[in-house]
C-alpha cells in the first residue's frame, strides 16, 4: 500500500459519489477516495473530471473547489486517514 498524492486524491474525490450535502467527515472523504480509485483507477478520476469540465463547466468548477478544500483539510489535519492504494 502506498499513499496517494494530493492531486490523485483530488481527482478521485471529484469523481466519487460523495456529495457536499453528505457533510462528510475525514473518514468519509478517505473512504470515498479509496472507492473511486478502486472503481475508476487513478486515471479514471482524471478522465471523469475532464468530461465534467467539458459537459458542465460551472458545476465542475464548484465541485473541484469543494474537492480541493476537503483534500487540503484531510492532508493537513487527519493524516491518519490519508488513503492508500
PDB file of N, CA and C in Angstrom:
ATOM      1  N   UNK A   1       0.828  -1.179   0.000  1.00  0.00           N
ATOM      2  CA  UNK A   1       0.000   0.000   0.000  1.00  0.00           C
ATOM      3  C   UNK A   1       0.879   1.252   0.000  1.00  0.00           C
ATOM      4  N   UNK A   2       0.573   2.156  -0.900  1.00  0.00           N
ATOM      5  CA  UNK A   2       1.298   3.423  -0.952  1.00  0.00           C
ATOM      6  C   UNK A   2       0.304   4.570  -0.809  1.00  0.00           C
ATOM      7  N   UNK A   3       0.707   5.655  -0.172  1.00  0.00           N
ATOM      8  CA  UNK A   3      -0.212   6.786  -0.040  1.00  0.00           C
ATOM      9  C   UNK A   3      -0.422   7.475  -1.385  1.00  0.00           C
ATOM     10  N   UNK A   4      -1.631   7.943  -1.606  1.00  0.00           N
ATOM     11  CA  UNK A   4      -1.924   8.719  -2.806  1.00  0.00           C
ATOM     12  C   UNK A   4      -1.298  10.095  -2.668  1.00  0.00           C
ATOM     13  N   UNK A   5      -0.946  10.686  -3.801  1.00  0.00           N
ATOM     14  CA  UNK A   5      -0.538  12.084  -3.727  1.00  0.00           C
ATOM     15  C   UNK A   5      -1.795  12.956  -3.734  1.00  0.00           C
ATOM     16  N   UNK A   6      -1.641  14.191  -3.387  1.00  0.00           N
ATOM     17  CA  UNK A   6      -2.774  15.095  -3.219  1.00  0.00           C
ATOM     18  C   UNK A   6      -3.554  15.284  -4.520  1.00  0.00           C
ATOM     19  N   UNK A   7      -2.871  15.377  -5.624  1.00  0.00           N
ATOM     20  CA  UNK A   7      -3.553  15.573  -6.910  1.00  0.00           C
ATOM     21  C   UNK A   7      -4.417  14.371  -7.261  1.00  0.00           C
ATOM     22  N   UNK A   8      -3.883  13.159  -7.102  1.00  0.00           N
ATOM     23  CA  UNK A   8      -4.674  11.958  -7.377  1.00  0.00           C
ATOM     24  C   UNK A   8      -5.888  11.880  -6.461  1.00  0.00           C
ATOM     25  N   UNK A   9      -5.696  12.248  -5.203  1.00  0.00           N
ATOM     26  CA  UNK A   9      -6.804  12.211  -4.253  1.00  0.00           C
ATOM     27  C   UNK A   9      -7.889  13.212  -4.640  1.00  0.00           C
ATOM     28  N   UNK A  10      -7.502  14.390  -5.076  1.00  0.00           N
ATOM     29  CA  UNK A  10      -8.484  15.398  -5.502  1.00  0.00           C
ATOM     30  C   UNK A  10      -9.303  14.903  -6.685  1.00  0.00           C
ATOM     31  N   UNK A  11      -8.627  14.323  -7.654  1.00  0.00           N
ATOM     32  CA  UNK A  11      -9.337  13.813  -8.832  1.00  0.00           C
ATOM     33  C   UNK A  11     -10.274  12.672  -8.451  1.00  0.00           C
ATOM     34  N   UNK A  12      -9.812  11.787  -7.574  1.00  0.00           N
ATOM     35  CA  UNK A  12     -10.649  10.665  -7.140  1.00  0.00           C
ATOM     36  C   UNK A  12     -11.863  11.170  -6.370  1.00  0.00           C
ATOM     37  N   UNK A  13     -11.665  12.150  -5.485  1.00  0.00           N
ATOM     38  CA  UNK A  13     -12.794  12.693  -4.741  1.00  0.00           C
ATOM     39  C   UNK A  13     -13.772  13.370  -5.687  1.00  0.00           C
ATOM     40  N   UNK A  14     -13.265  14.100  -6.643  1.00  0.00           N
ATOM     41  CA  UNK A  14     -14.120  14.740  -7.642  1.00  0.00           C
ATOM     42  C   UNK A  14     -14.990  13.692  -8.335  1.00  0.00           C
ATOM     43  N   UNK A  15     -14.404  12.557  -8.682  1.00  0.00           N
ATOM     44  CA  UNK A  15     -15.119  11.502  -9.411  1.00  0.00           C
ATOM     45  C   UNK A  15     -15.991  10.635  -8.513  1.00  0.00           C
ATOM     46  N   UNK A  16     -15.845  10.768  -7.214  1.00  0.00           N
ATOM     47  CA  UNK A  16     -16.571   9.914  -6.273  1.00  0.00           C
ATOM     48  C   UNK A  16     -18.056  10.268  -6.214  1.00  0.00           C
ATOM     49  N   UNK A  17     -18.796   9.415  -5.526  1.00  0.00           N
ATOM     50  CA  UNK A  17     -20.227   9.641  -5.330  1.00  0.00           C
ATOM     51  C   UNK A  17     -20.517  10.562  -4.148  1.00  0.00           C
ATOM     52  N   UNK A  18     -19.502  10.916  -3.380  1.00  0.00           N
ATOM     53  CA  UNK A  18     -19.691  11.763  -2.203  1.00  0.00           C
ATOM     54  C   UNK A  18     -20.205  13.133  -2.630  1.00  0.00           C
ATOM     55  N   UNK A  19     -21.149  13.648  -1.865  1.00  0.00           N
ATOM     56  CA  UNK A  19     -21.740  14.952  -2.170  1.00  0.00           C
ATOM     57  C   UNK A  19     -21.532  15.914  -1.011  1.00  0.00           C
ATOM     58  N   UNK A  20     -21.518  17.185  -1.325  1.00  0.00           N
ATOM     59  CA  UNK A  20     -21.387  18.229  -0.314  1.00  0.00           C
ATOM     60  C   UNK A  20     -22.498  18.080   0.736  1.00  0.00           C
ATOM     61  N   UNK A  21     -23.691  17.735   0.298  1.00  0.00           N
ATOM     62  CA  UNK A  21     -24.826  17.606   1.209  1.00  0.00           C
ATOM     63  C   UNK A  21     -24.669  16.452   2.199  1.00  0.00           C
ATOM     64  N   UNK A  22     -23.712  15.549   1.944  1.00  0.00           N
ATOM     65  CA  UNK A  22     -23.435  14.456   2.880  1.00  0.00           C
ATOM     66  C   UNK A  22     -22.746  14.955   4.144  1.00  0.00           C
ATOM     67  N   UNK A  23     -22.260  16.191   4.137  1.00  0.00           N
ATOM     68  CA  UNK A  23     -21.489  16.764   5.246  1.00  0.00           C
ATOM     69  C   UNK A  23     -20.437  15.751   5.699  1.00  0.00           C
ATOM     70  N   UNK A  24     -19.496  15.425   4.806  1.00  0.00           N
ATOM     71  CA  UNK A  24     -18.578  14.315   5.073  1.00  0.00           C
ATOM     72  C   UNK A  24     -17.523  14.589   6.140  1.00  0.00           C
ATOM     73  N   UNK A  25     -17.246  13.562   6.905  1.00  0.00           N
ATOM     74  CA  UNK A  25     -16.141  13.579   7.867  1.00  0.00           C
ATOM     75  C   UNK A  25     -14.855  13.220   7.120  1.00  0.00           C
ATOM     76  N   UNK A  26     -13.728  13.346   7.800  1.00  0.00           N
ATOM     77  CA  UNK A  26     -12.452  12.971   7.184  1.00  0.00           C
ATOM     78  C   UNK A  26     -12.459  11.494   6.790  1.00  0.00           C
ATOM     79  N   UNK A  27     -13.027  10.645   7.635  1.00  0.00           N
ATOM     80  CA  UNK A  27     -13.082   9.214   7.326  1.00  0.00           C
ATOM     81  C   UNK A  27     -13.952   8.950   6.102  1.00  0.00           C
ATOM     82  N   UNK A  28     -15.053   9.693   5.961  1.00  0.00           N
ATOM     83  CA  UNK A  28     -15.917   9.526   4.785  1.00  0.00           C
ATOM     84  C   UNK A  28     -15.196   9.967   3.514  1.00  0.00           C
ATOM     85  N   UNK A  29     -14.451  11.057   3.592  1.00  0.00           N
ATOM     86  CA  UNK A  29     -13.692  11.544   2.429  1.00  0.00           C
ATOM     87  C   UNK A  29     -12.654  10.498   2.024  1.00  0.00           C
ATOM     88  N   UNK A  30     -11.910   9.991   2.992  1.00  0.00           N
ATOM     89  CA  UNK A  30     -10.893   8.979   2.696  1.00  0.00           C
ATOM     90  C   UNK A  30     -11.518   7.740   2.078  1.00  0.00           C
ATOM     91  N   UNK A  31     -12.649   7.300   2.611  1.00  0.00           N
ATOM     92  CA  UNK A  31     -13.323   6.123   2.058  1.00  0.00           C
ATOM     93  C   UNK A  31     -13.802   6.387   0.637  1.00  0.00           C
ATOM     94  N   UNK A  32     -14.358   7.568   0.380  1.00  0.00           N
ATOM     95  CA  UNK A  32     -14.834   7.903  -0.971  1.00  0.00           C
ATOM     96  C   UNK A  32     -13.678   7.907  -1.965  1.00  0.00           C
ATOM     97  N   UNK A  33     -12.533   8.423  -1.539  1.00  0.00           N
ATOM     98  CA  UNK A  33     -11.357   8.447  -2.408  1.00  0.00           C
ATOM     99  C   UNK A  33     -10.901   7.018  -2.710  1.00  0.00           C
ATOM    100  N   UNK A  34     -10.823   6.176  -1.686  1.00  0.00           N
ATOM    101  CA  UNK A  34     -10.410   4.774  -1.898  1.00  0.00           C
ATOM    102  C   UNK A  34     -11.357   4.053  -2.845  1.00  0.00           C
ATOM    103  N   UNK A  35     -12.658   4.250  -2.663  1.00  0.00           N
ATOM    104  CA  UNK A  35     -13.649   3.584  -3.514  1.00  0.00           C
ATOM    105  C   UNK A  35     -13.534   4.076  -4.951  1.00  0.00           C
ATOM    106  N   UNK A  36     -13.368   5.386  -5.141  1.00  0.00           N
ATOM    107  CA  UNK A  36     -13.242   5.923  -6.504  1.00  0.00           C
ATOM    108  C   UNK A  36     -11.993   5.390  -7.197  1.00  0.00           C
ATOM    109  N   UNK A  37     -10.879   5.310  -6.476  1.00  0.00           N
ATOM    110  CA  UNK A  37      -9.654   4.757  -7.073  1.00  0.00           C
ATOM    111  C   UNK A  37      -9.865   3.287  -7.413  1.00  0.00           C
ATOM    112  N   UNK A  38     -10.512   2.565  -6.522  1.00  0.00           N
ATOM    113  CA  UNK A  38     -10.789   1.144  -6.785  1.00  0.00           C
ATOM    114  C   UNK A  38     -11.688   0.988  -8.015  1.00  0.00           C
ATOM    115  N   UNK A  39     -12.730   1.806  -8.106  1.00  0.00           N
ATOM    116  CA  UNK A  39     -13.707   1.673  -9.190  1.00  0.00           C
ATOM    117  C   UNK A  39     -13.227   2.227 -10.522  1.00  0.00           C
ATOM    118  N   UNK A  40     -12.472   3.331 -10.498  1.00  0.00           N
ATOM    119  CA  UNK A  40     -12.101   4.006 -11.742  1.00  0.00           C
ATOM    120  C   UNK A  40     -10.616   3.951 -12.061  1.00  0.00           C
ATOM    121  N   UNK A  41      -9.782   3.590 -11.091  1.00  0.00           N
ATOM    122  CA  UNK A  41      -8.337   3.652 -11.275  1.00  0.00           C
ATOM    123  C   UNK A  41      -7.866   5.093 -11.136  1.00  0.00           C
ATOM    124  N   UNK A  42      -6.565   5.271 -11.094  1.00  0.00           N
ATOM    125  CA  UNK A  42      -6.029   6.627 -10.934  1.00  0.00           C
ATOM    126  C   UNK A  42      -6.360   7.512 -12.122  1.00  0.00           C
ATOM    127  N   UNK A  43      -6.226   7.000 -13.321  1.00  0.00           N
ATOM    128  CA  UNK A  43      -6.510   7.836 -14.492  1.00  0.00           C
ATOM    129  C   UNK A  43      -8.000   8.006 -14.734  1.00  0.00           C
ATOM    130  N   UNK A  44      -8.818   7.115 -14.199  1.00  0.00           N
ATOM    131  CA  UNK A  44     -10.263   7.222 -14.386  1.00  0.00           C
ATOM    132  C   UNK A  44     -10.844   8.458 -13.727  1.00  0.00           C
ATOM    133  N   UNK A  45     -10.307   8.841 -12.573  1.00  0.00           N
ATOM    134  CA  UNK A  45     -10.772  10.056 -11.917  1.00  0.00           C
ATOM    135  C   UNK A  45     -10.474  11.282 -12.754  1.00  0.00           C
ATOM    136  N   UNK A  46      -9.302  11.304 -13.341  1.00  0.00           N
ATOM    137  CA  UNK A  46      -8.918  12.423 -14.207  1.00  0.00           C
ATOM    138  C   UNK A  46      -9.811  12.469 -15.437  1.00  0.00           C
ATOM    139  N   UNK A  47     -10.089  11.309 -16.020  1.00  0.00           N
ATOM    140  CA  UNK A  47     -10.952  11.242 -17.201  1.00  0.00           C
ATOM    141  C   UNK A  47     -12.360  11.753 -16.892  1.00  0.00           C
ATOM    142  N   UNK A  48     -12.917  11.325 -15.777  1.00  0.00           N
ATOM    143  CA  UNK A  48     -14.266  11.746 -15.394  1.00  0.00           C
ATOM    144  C   UNK A  48     -14.298  13.252 -15.103  1.00  0.00           C
ATOM    145  N   UNK A  49     -13.252  13.745 -14.473  1.00  0.00           N
ATOM    146  CA  UNK A  49     -13.175  15.162 -14.177  1.00  0.00           C
ATOM    147  C   UNK A  49     -13.127  15.974 -15.482  1.00  0.00           C
ATOM    148  N   UNK A  50     -12.304  15.559 -16.425  1.00  0.00           N
ATOM    149  CA  UNK A  50     -12.194  16.261 -17.700  1.00  0.00           C
ATOM    150  C   UNK A  50     -13.532  16.266 -18.436  1.00  0.00           C
ATOM    151  N   UNK A  51     -14.227  15.148 -18.398  1.00  0.00           N
ATOM    152  CA  UNK A  51     -15.531  15.072 -19.063  1.00  0.00           C
ATOM    153  C   UNK A  51     -16.521  16.048 -18.419  1.00  0.00           C
ATOM    154  N   UNK A  52     -16.542  16.104 -17.105  1.00  0.00           N
ATOM    155  CA  UNK A  52     -17.449  17.026 -16.419  1.00  0.00           C
ATOM    156  C   UNK A  52     -17.121  18.480 -16.724  1.00  0.00           C
ATOM    157  N   UNK A  53     -15.834  18.811 -16.792  1.00  0.00           N
ATOM    158  CA  UNK A  53     -15.472  20.189 -17.128  1.00  0.00           C
ATOM    159  C   UNK A  53     -15.903  20.537 -18.548  1.00  0.00           C
ATOM    160  N   UNK A  54     -15.894  19.552 -19.442  1.00  0.00           N
ATOM    161  CA  UNK A  54     -16.379  19.796 -20.798  1.00  0.00           C
ATOM    162  C   UNK A  54     -17.888  19.899 -20.874  1.00  0.00           C
ATOM    163  N   UNK A  55     -18.589  19.044 -20.113  1.00  0.00           N
ATOM    164  CA  UNK A  55     -20.051  18.996 -20.179  1.00  0.00           C
ATOM    165  C   UNK A  55     -20.732  20.031 -19.286  1.00  0.00           C
ATOM    166  N   UNK A  56     -20.211  20.256 -18.108  1.00  0.00           N
ATOM    167  CA  UNK A  56     -20.841  21.138 -17.112  1.00  0.00           C
ATOM    168  C   UNK A  56     -19.770  21.973 -16.398  1.00  0.00           C
ATOM    169  N   UNK A  57     -19.155  22.918 -17.094  1.00  0.00           N
ATOM    170  CA  UNK A  57     -18.015  23.628 -16.517  1.00  0.00           C
ATOM    171  C   UNK A  57     -18.325  24.374 -15.217  1.00  0.00           C
ATOM    172  N   UNK A  58     -19.496  24.977 -15.110  1.00  0.00           N
ATOM    173  CA  UNK A  58     -19.804  25.724 -13.878  1.00  0.00           C
ATOM    174  C   UNK A  58     -19.922  24.790 -12.676  1.00  0.00           C
ATOM    175  N   UNK A  59     -20.662  23.705 -12.837  1.00  0.00           N
ATOM    176  CA  UNK A  59     -20.826  22.737 -11.746  1.00  0.00           C
ATOM    177  C   UNK A  59     -19.500  22.058 -11.426  1.00  0.00           C
ATOM    178  N   UNK A  60     -18.711  21.757 -12.449  1.00  0.00           N
ATOM    179  CA  UNK A  60     -17.424  21.089 -12.239  1.00  0.00           C
ATOM    180  C   UNK A  60     -16.465  21.999 -11.483  1.00  0.00           C
ATOM    181  N   UNK A  61     -16.497  23.279 -11.786  1.00  0.00           N
ATOM    182  CA  UNK A  61     -15.626  24.227 -11.084  1.00  0.00           C
ATOM    183  C   UNK A  61     -15.967  24.266  -9.602  1.00  0.00           C
ATOM    184  N   UNK A  62     -17.245  24.310  -9.294  1.00  0.00           N
ATOM    185  CA  UNK A  62     -17.674  24.331  -7.894  1.00  0.00           C
ATOM    186  C   UNK A  62     -17.319  23.019  -7.188  1.00  0.00           C
ATOM    187  N   UNK A  63     -17.488  21.884  -7.864  1.00  0.00           N
ATOM    188  CA  UNK A  63     -17.138  20.591  -7.263  1.00  0.00           C
ATOM    189  C   UNK A  63     -15.629  20.488  -7.049  1.00  0.00           C
ATOM    190  N   UNK A  64     -14.833  21.026  -7.962  1.00  0.00           N
ATOM    191  CA  UNK A  64     -13.384  20.975  -7.802  1.00  0.00           C
ATOM    192  C   UNK A  64     -12.947  21.827  -6.620  1.00  0.00           C
ATOM    193  N   UNK A  65     -13.561  22.980  -6.432  1.00  0.00           N
ATOM    194  CA  UNK A  65     -13.246  23.803  -5.258  1.00  0.00           C
ATOM    195  C   UNK A  65     -13.529  23.025  -3.973  1.00  0.00           C
ATOM    196  N   UNK A  66     -14.672  22.347  -3.946  1.00  0.00           N
ATOM    197  CA  UNK A  66     -15.064  21.550  -2.791  1.00  0.00           C
ATOM    198  C   UNK A  66     -14.067  20.404  -2.574  1.00  0.00           C
ATOM    199  N   UNK A  67     -13.704  19.698  -3.641  1.00  0.00           N
ATOM    200  CA  UNK A  67     -12.740  18.596  -3.534  1.00  0.00           C
ATOM    201  C   UNK A  67     -11.382  19.113  -3.053  1.00  0.00           C
ATOM    202  N   UNK A  68     -10.952  20.259  -3.554  1.00  0.00           N
ATOM    203  CA  UNK A  68      -9.692  20.861  -3.099  1.00  0.00           C
ATOM    204  C   UNK A  68      -9.740  21.164  -1.611  1.00  0.00           C
ATOM    205  N   UNK A  69     -10.828  21.777  -1.170  1.00  0.00           N
ATOM    206  CA  UNK A  69     -10.954  22.131   0.245  1.00  0.00           C
ATOM    207  C   UNK A  69     -10.890  20.884   1.123  1.00  0.00           C
ATOM    208  N   UNK A  70     -11.656  19.861   0.773  1.00  0.00           N
ATOM    209  CA  UNK A  70     -11.689  18.658   1.608  1.00  0.00           C
ATOM    210  C   UNK A  70     -10.359  17.916   1.618  1.00  0.00           C
ATOM    211  N   UNK A  71      -9.719  17.794   0.464  1.00  0.00           N
ATOM    212  CA  UNK A  71      -8.442  17.072   0.450  1.00  0.00           C
ATOM    213  C   UNK A  71      -7.360  17.866   1.166  1.00  0.00           C
ATOM    214  N   UNK A  72      -7.377  19.192   1.049  1.00  0.00           N
ATOM    215  CA  UNK A  72      -6.409  20.008   1.801  1.00  0.00           C
ATOM    216  C   UNK A  72      -6.589  19.804   3.297  1.00  0.00           C
ATOM    217  N   UNK A  73      -7.834  19.794   3.756  1.00  0.00           N
ATOM    218  CA  UNK A  73      -8.103  19.565   5.174  1.00  0.00           C
ATOM    219  C   UNK A  73      -7.645  18.175   5.596  1.00  0.00           C
ATOM    220  N   UNK A  74      -7.919  17.184   4.767  1.00  0.00           N
ATOM    221  CA  UNK A  74      -7.544  15.809   5.085  1.00  0.00           C
ATOM    222  C   UNK A  74      -6.031  15.681   5.204  1.00  0.00           C
ATOM    223  N   UNK A  75      -5.305  16.295   4.277  1.00  0.00           N
ATOM    224  CA  UNK A  75      -3.842  16.163   4.267  1.00  0.00           C
ATOM    225  C   UNK A  75      -3.173  16.965   5.384  1.00  0.00           C
ATOM    226  N   UNK A  76      -3.851  17.989   5.879  1.00  0.00           N
ATOM    227  CA  UNK A  76      -3.206  18.809   6.907  1.00  0.00           C
ATOM    228  C   UNK A  76      -3.659  18.494   8.321  1.00  0.00           C
ATOM    229  N   UNK A  77      -4.837  17.900   8.479  1.00  0.00           N
ATOM    230  CA  UNK A  77      -5.352  17.693   9.832  1.00  0.00           C
ATOM    231  C   UNK A  77      -5.606  16.237  10.188  1.00  0.00           C
ATOM    232  N   UNK A  78      -5.744  15.368   9.214  1.00  0.00           N
ATOM    233  CA  UNK A  78      -6.139  13.981   9.511  1.00  0.00           C
ATOM    234  C   UNK A  78      -5.239  12.992   8.778  1.00  0.00           C
ATOM    235  N   UNK A  79      -3.942  13.142   8.927  1.00  0.00           N
ATOM    236  CA  UNK A  79      -3.010  12.287   8.187  1.00  0.00           C
ATOM    237  C   UNK A  79      -3.190  10.808   8.483  1.00  0.00           C
ATOM    238  N   UNK A  80      -3.802  10.466   9.595  1.00  0.00           N
ATOM    239  CA  UNK A  80      -4.020   9.054   9.909  1.00  0.00           C
ATOM    240  C   UNK A  80      -5.063   8.415   9.004  1.00  0.00           C
ATOM    241  N   UNK A  81      -5.847   9.210   8.277  1.00  0.00           N
ATOM    242  CA  UNK A  81      -6.842   8.633   7.372  1.00  0.00           C
ATOM    243  C   UNK A  81      -6.520   8.899   5.904  1.00  0.00           C
ATOM    244  N   UNK A  82      -5.337   9.416   5.588  1.00  0.00           N
ATOM    245  CA  UNK A  82      -4.962   9.644   4.195  1.00  0.00           C
ATOM    246  C   UNK A  82      -5.019   8.307   3.453  1.00  0.00           C
ATOM    247  N   UNK A  83      -5.781   8.262   2.357  1.00  0.00           N
ATOM    248  CA  UNK A  83      -5.970   6.998   1.645  1.00  0.00           C
ATOM    249  C   UNK A  83      -4.697   6.464   1.019  1.00  0.00           C
ATOM    250  N   UNK A  84      -4.611   5.151   0.925  1.00  0.00           N
ATOM    251  CA  UNK A  84      -3.518   4.479   0.244  1.00  0.00           C
ATOM    252  C   UNK A  84      -4.099   3.555  -0.811  1.00  0.00           C
ATOM    253  N   UNK A  85      -3.297   3.236  -1.812  1.00  0.00           N
ATOM    254  CA  UNK A  85      -3.703   2.281  -2.841  1.00  0.00           C
ATOM    255  C   UNK A  85      -2.720   1.161  -2.922  1.00  0.00           C
TER     256      UNK A  85
END
